[in-house]
């Protein structure tokens, strides 16, 4: 017998499943995630945090907004512009997007595994005149 899911979880999984389809859909899905992040060179040290991920599909473009403490916050979309190159990272097992700033080549990426709701993300941050990559990952649940 299949496990019974609560309404919020069912709606979220249905929403994540729908993201593989195109269309005008602007409802915002929210996830709360417990994440742990670090810079590759370990400076500065960053404490684990709780973040909120908002996810929208508008037309054929994905939009992600991550709200949380410094370094964890980011915005990513698949939208192309003069300033940014967006890439859709959706597959049968995950939903995600990558954004690259054309002038600096700085990158921002977020991926959420559909089944396990595991989040992995990174973005390039300018610190002391250098670019450092901040990576984080964690488990999410419906908000």
C-alpha atoms as a PDB file:
ATOM      1  CA  UNK A   1       0.000   0.000   0.000  1.00  0.00           C
ATOM      2  CA  UNK A   2       1.390   3.428  -0.966  1.00  0.00           C
ATOM      3  CA  UNK A   3       2.144   5.930   1.803  1.00  0.00           C
ATOM      4  CA  UNK A   4      -0.426   8.684   2.194  1.00  0.00           C
ATOM      5  CA  UNK A   5       0.916  12.194   1.516  1.00  0.00           C
ATOM      6  CA  UNK A   6      -0.364  15.412   3.020  1.00  0.00           C
ATOM      7  CA  UNK A   7      -1.930  18.016   0.707  1.00  0.00           C
ATOM      8  CA  UNK A   8       1.016  20.437   0.803  1.00  0.00           C
ATOM      9  CA  UNK A   9       3.511  17.700  -0.084  1.00  0.00           C
ATOM     10  CA  UNK A  10       1.279  16.383  -2.886  1.00  0.00           C
ATOM     11  CA  UNK A  11       0.811  19.896  -4.307  1.00  0.00           C
ATOM     12  CA  UNK A  12       4.543  20.556  -4.176  1.00  0.00           C
ATOM     13  CA  UNK A  13       5.469  17.315  -5.907  1.00  0.00           C
ATOM     14  CA  UNK A  14       2.798  17.939  -8.537  1.00  0.00           C
ATOM     15  CA  UNK A  15       4.203  21.451  -9.019  1.00  0.00           C
ATOM     16  CA  UNK A  16       7.764  20.209  -9.361  1.00  0.00           C
ATOM     17  CA  UNK A  17       6.537  17.641 -11.860  1.00  0.00           C
ATOM     18  CA  UNK A  18       4.751  20.297 -13.870  1.00  0.00           C
ATOM     19  CA  UNK A  19       7.929  22.315 -14.217  1.00  0.00           C
ATOM     20  CA  UNK A  20       8.993  19.969 -16.961  1.00  0.00           C
ATOM     21  CA  UNK A  21       6.096  21.306 -19.027  1.00  0.00           C
ATOM     22  CA  UNK A  22       5.956  24.713 -20.654  1.00  0.00           C
ATOM     23  CA  UNK A  23       3.129  27.178 -20.199  1.00  0.00           C
ATOM     24  CA  UNK A  24       2.101  30.282 -18.347  1.00  0.00           C
ATOM     25  CA  UNK A  25       2.131  29.290 -14.684  1.00  0.00           C
ATOM     26  CA  UNK A  26       2.922  31.883 -12.056  1.00  0.00           C
ATOM     27  CA  UNK A  27       2.005  30.215  -8.759  1.00  0.00           C
ATOM     28  CA  UNK A  28       4.914  30.355  -6.319  1.00  0.00           C
ATOM     29  CA  UNK A  29       6.055  27.136  -4.651  1.00  0.00           C
ATOM     30  CA  UNK A  30       8.020  27.580  -1.442  1.00  0.00           C
ATOM     31  CA  UNK A  31      10.462  25.244   0.235  1.00  0.00           C
ATOM     32  CA  UNK A  32      12.273  25.566   3.552  1.00  0.00           C
ATOM     33  CA  UNK A  33      15.734  24.074   3.510  1.00  0.00           C
ATOM     34  CA  UNK A  34      18.348  23.346   6.162  1.00  0.00           C
ATOM     35  CA  UNK A  35      21.632  23.996   4.368  1.00  0.00           C
ATOM     36  CA  UNK A  36      25.326  23.970   5.076  1.00  0.00           C
ATOM     37  CA  UNK A  37      27.649  26.070   2.940  1.00  0.00           C
ATOM     38  CA  UNK A  38      31.295  26.859   2.521  1.00  0.00           C
ATOM     39  CA  UNK A  39      33.767  28.604   0.288  1.00  0.00           C
ATOM     40  CA  UNK A  40      36.222  26.345  -1.529  1.00  0.00           C
ATOM     41  CA  UNK A  41      39.145  28.028   0.235  1.00  0.00           C
ATOM     42  CA  UNK A  42      37.274  27.966   3.620  1.00  0.00           C
ATOM     43  CA  UNK A  43      37.602  31.730   4.177  1.00  0.00           C
ATOM     44  CA  UNK A  44      35.380  33.178   5.575  1.00  0.00           C
ATOM     45  CA  UNK A  45      33.761  30.415   7.603  1.00  0.00           C
ATOM     46  CA  UNK A  46      29.974  30.399   7.174  1.00  0.00           C
ATOM     47  CA  UNK A  47      27.470  28.936   9.650  1.00  0.00           C
ATOM     48  CA  UNK A  48      24.750  26.490   8.544  1.00  0.00           C
ATOM     49  CA  UNK A  49      21.405  28.191   7.919  1.00  0.00           C
ATOM     50  CA  UNK A  50      17.746  27.818   7.123  1.00  0.00           C
ATOM     51  CA  UNK A  51      16.738  29.297   3.758  1.00  0.00           C
ATOM     52  CA  UNK A  52      13.487  29.701   1.872  1.00  0.00           C
ATOM     53  CA  UNK A  53      13.424  28.823  -1.819  1.00  0.00           C
ATOM     54  CA  UNK A  54      10.698  30.327  -3.991  1.00  0.00           C
ATOM     55  CA  UNK A  55      10.161  28.718  -7.369  1.00  0.00           C
ATOM     56  CA  UNK A  56       8.063  29.971 -10.290  1.00  0.00           C
ATOM     57  CA  UNK A  57       7.469  29.021 -13.897  1.00  0.00           C
ATOM     58  CA  UNK A  58       6.397  31.976 -16.024  1.00  0.00           C
ATOM     59  CA  UNK A  59       5.971  31.168 -19.680  1.00  0.00           C
ATOM     60  CA  UNK A  60       8.872  28.873 -20.462  1.00  0.00           C
ATOM     61  CA  UNK A  61      11.276  30.396 -17.912  1.00  0.00           C
ATOM     62  CA  UNK A  62      12.101  29.183 -14.394  1.00  0.00           C
ATOM     63  CA  UNK A  63      12.723  31.676 -11.606  1.00  0.00           C
ATOM     64  CA  UNK A  64      14.323  30.804  -8.262  1.00  0.00           C
ATOM     65  CA  UNK A  65      14.772  33.126  -5.304  1.00  0.00           C
ATOM     66  CA  UNK A  66      16.665  31.968  -2.220  1.00  0.00           C
ATOM     67  CA  UNK A  67      16.164  34.071   0.931  1.00  0.00           C
ATOM     68  CA  UNK A  68      18.423  33.589   3.919  1.00  0.00           C
ATOM     69  CA  UNK A  69      21.574  34.914   5.596  1.00  0.00           C
ATOM     70  CA  UNK A  70      24.417  36.603   3.727  1.00  0.00           C
ATOM     71  CA  UNK A  71      26.098  34.393   1.091  1.00  0.00           C
ATOM     72  CA  UNK A  72      23.081  32.040   0.940  1.00  0.00           C
ATOM     73  CA  UNK A  73      20.819  34.528  -0.861  1.00  0.00           C
ATOM     74  CA  UNK A  74      20.590  34.308  -4.634  1.00  0.00           C
ATOM     75  CA  UNK A  75      18.354  34.749  -7.660  1.00  0.00           C
ATOM     76  CA  UNK A  76      18.543  32.468 -10.660  1.00  0.00           C
ATOM     77  CA  UNK A  77      16.473  32.233 -13.811  1.00  0.00           C
ATOM     78  CA  UNK A  78      16.617  30.665 -17.238  1.00  0.00           C
ATOM     79  CA  UNK A  79      15.935  34.037 -18.847  1.00  0.00           C
ATOM     80  CA  UNK A  80      18.428  35.305 -21.455  1.00  0.00           C
ATOM     81  CA  UNK A  81      19.329  38.995 -21.618  1.00  0.00           C
ATOM     82  CA  UNK A  82      22.163  41.258 -22.715  1.00  0.00           C
ATOM     83  CA  UNK A  83      23.713  40.916 -19.268  1.00  0.00           C
ATOM     84  CA  UNK A  84      22.928  37.302 -18.337  1.00  0.00           C
ATOM     85  CA  UNK A  85      22.863  33.877 -19.937  1.00  0.00           C
ATOM     86  CA  UNK A  86      20.280  31.521 -18.422  1.00  0.00           C
ATOM     87  CA  UNK A  87      20.287  27.726 -18.733  1.00  0.00           C
ATOM     88  CA  UNK A  88      17.449  25.340 -17.912  1.00  0.00           C
ATOM     89  CA  UNK A  89      18.790  22.342 -15.933  1.00  0.00           C
ATOM     90  CA  UNK A  90      15.511  20.383 -15.761  1.00  0.00           C
ATOM     91  CA  UNK A  91      15.506  16.648 -16.259  1.00  0.00           C
ATOM     92  CA  UNK A  92      13.283  13.771 -15.225  1.00  0.00           C
ATOM     93  CA  UNK A  93      14.916  13.661 -11.795  1.00  0.00           C
ATOM     94  CA  UNK A  94      15.657  17.301 -11.019  1.00  0.00           C
ATOM     95  CA  UNK A  95      14.594  20.901 -11.541  1.00  0.00           C
ATOM     96  CA  UNK A  96      17.122  23.702 -11.747  1.00  0.00           C
ATOM     97  CA  UNK A  97      18.652  26.687 -13.473  1.00  0.00           C
ATOM     98  CA  UNK A  98      22.034  28.288 -14.045  1.00  0.00           C
ATOM     99  CA  UNK A  99      22.718  31.972 -14.660  1.00  0.00           C
ATOM    100  CA  UNK A 100      26.001  33.420 -15.876  1.00  0.00           C
ATOM    101  CA  UNK A 101      26.833  37.103 -15.913  1.00  0.00           C
ATOM    102  CA  UNK A 102      28.232  37.807 -19.375  1.00  0.00           C
ATOM    103  CA  UNK A 103      30.668  40.602 -18.386  1.00  0.00           C
ATOM    104  CA  UNK A 104      32.314  38.863 -15.383  1.00  0.00           C
ATOM    105  CA  UNK A 105      31.549  35.177 -16.113  1.00  0.00           C
ATOM    106  CA  UNK A 106      30.279  34.828 -12.504  1.00  0.00           C
ATOM    107  CA  UNK A 107      27.884  31.915 -12.205  1.00  0.00           C
ATOM    108  CA  UNK A 108      24.869  31.122 -10.035  1.00  0.00           C
ATOM    109  CA  UNK A 109      23.201  27.694 -10.018  1.00  0.00           C
ATOM    110  CA  UNK A 110      20.470  25.907  -8.079  1.00  0.00           C
ATOM    111  CA  UNK A 111      19.254  22.317  -8.467  1.00  0.00           C
ATOM    112  CA  UNK A 112      16.538  20.491  -6.514  1.00  0.00           C
ATOM    113  CA  UNK A 113      16.221  16.718  -6.808  1.00  0.00           C
ATOM    114  CA  UNK A 114      12.555  15.909  -7.462  1.00  0.00           C
ATOM    115  CA  UNK A 115      12.301  12.731  -5.376  1.00  0.00           C
ATOM    116  CA  UNK A 116      14.448  13.480  -2.331  1.00  0.00           C
ATOM    117  CA  UNK A 117      13.992  17.291  -2.356  1.00  0.00           C
ATOM    118  CA  UNK A 118      17.759  17.709  -1.847  1.00  0.00           C
ATOM    119  CA  UNK A 119      19.011  21.154  -2.789  1.00  0.00           C
ATOM    120  CA  UNK A 120      22.462  21.939  -4.136  1.00  0.00           C
ATOM    121  CA  UNK A 121      23.503  25.449  -5.120  1.00  0.00           C
ATOM    122  CA  UNK A 122      26.493  27.650  -5.738  1.00  0.00           C
ATOM    123  CA  UNK A 123      27.276  31.188  -6.732  1.00  0.00           C
ATOM    124  CA  UNK A 124      30.376  33.244  -7.308  1.00  0.00           C
ATOM    125  CA  UNK A 125      30.974  36.038  -4.791  1.00  0.00           C
ATOM    126  CA  UNK A 126      33.417  38.950  -5.034  1.00  0.00           C
ATOM    127  CA  UNK A 127      35.516  39.191  -1.851  1.00  0.00           C
ATOM    128  CA  UNK A 128      38.603  41.388  -1.500  1.00  0.00           C
ATOM    129  CA  UNK A 129      38.815  41.903  -5.247  1.00  0.00           C
ATOM    130  CA  UNK A 130      38.716  38.162  -6.057  1.00  0.00           C
ATOM    131  CA  UNK A 131      35.907  35.848  -7.091  1.00  0.00           C
ATOM    132  CA  UNK A 132      35.216  32.943  -4.734  1.00  0.00           C
ATOM    133  CA  UNK A 133      32.663  30.165  -5.228  1.00  0.00           C
ATOM    134  CA  UNK A 134      30.243  29.596  -2.346  1.00  0.00           C
ATOM    135  CA  UNK A 135      28.583  26.149  -2.413  1.00  0.00           C
ATOM    136  CA  UNK A 136      25.803  24.822  -0.238  1.00  0.00           C
ATOM    137  CA  UNK A 137      23.500  21.841  -0.002  1.00  0.00           C
ATOM    138  CA  UNK A 138      20.760  20.508   2.220  1.00  0.00           C
ATOM    139  CA  UNK A 139      17.393  18.881   2.627  1.00  0.00           C
ATOM    140  CA  UNK A 140      14.151  20.734   1.843  1.00  0.00           C
ATOM    141  CA  UNK A 141      10.504  20.378   2.803  1.00  0.00           C
ATOM    142  CA  UNK A 142       7.356  22.249   1.727  1.00  0.00           C
ATOM    143  CA  UNK A 143       6.976  25.647   3.402  1.00  0.00           C
END
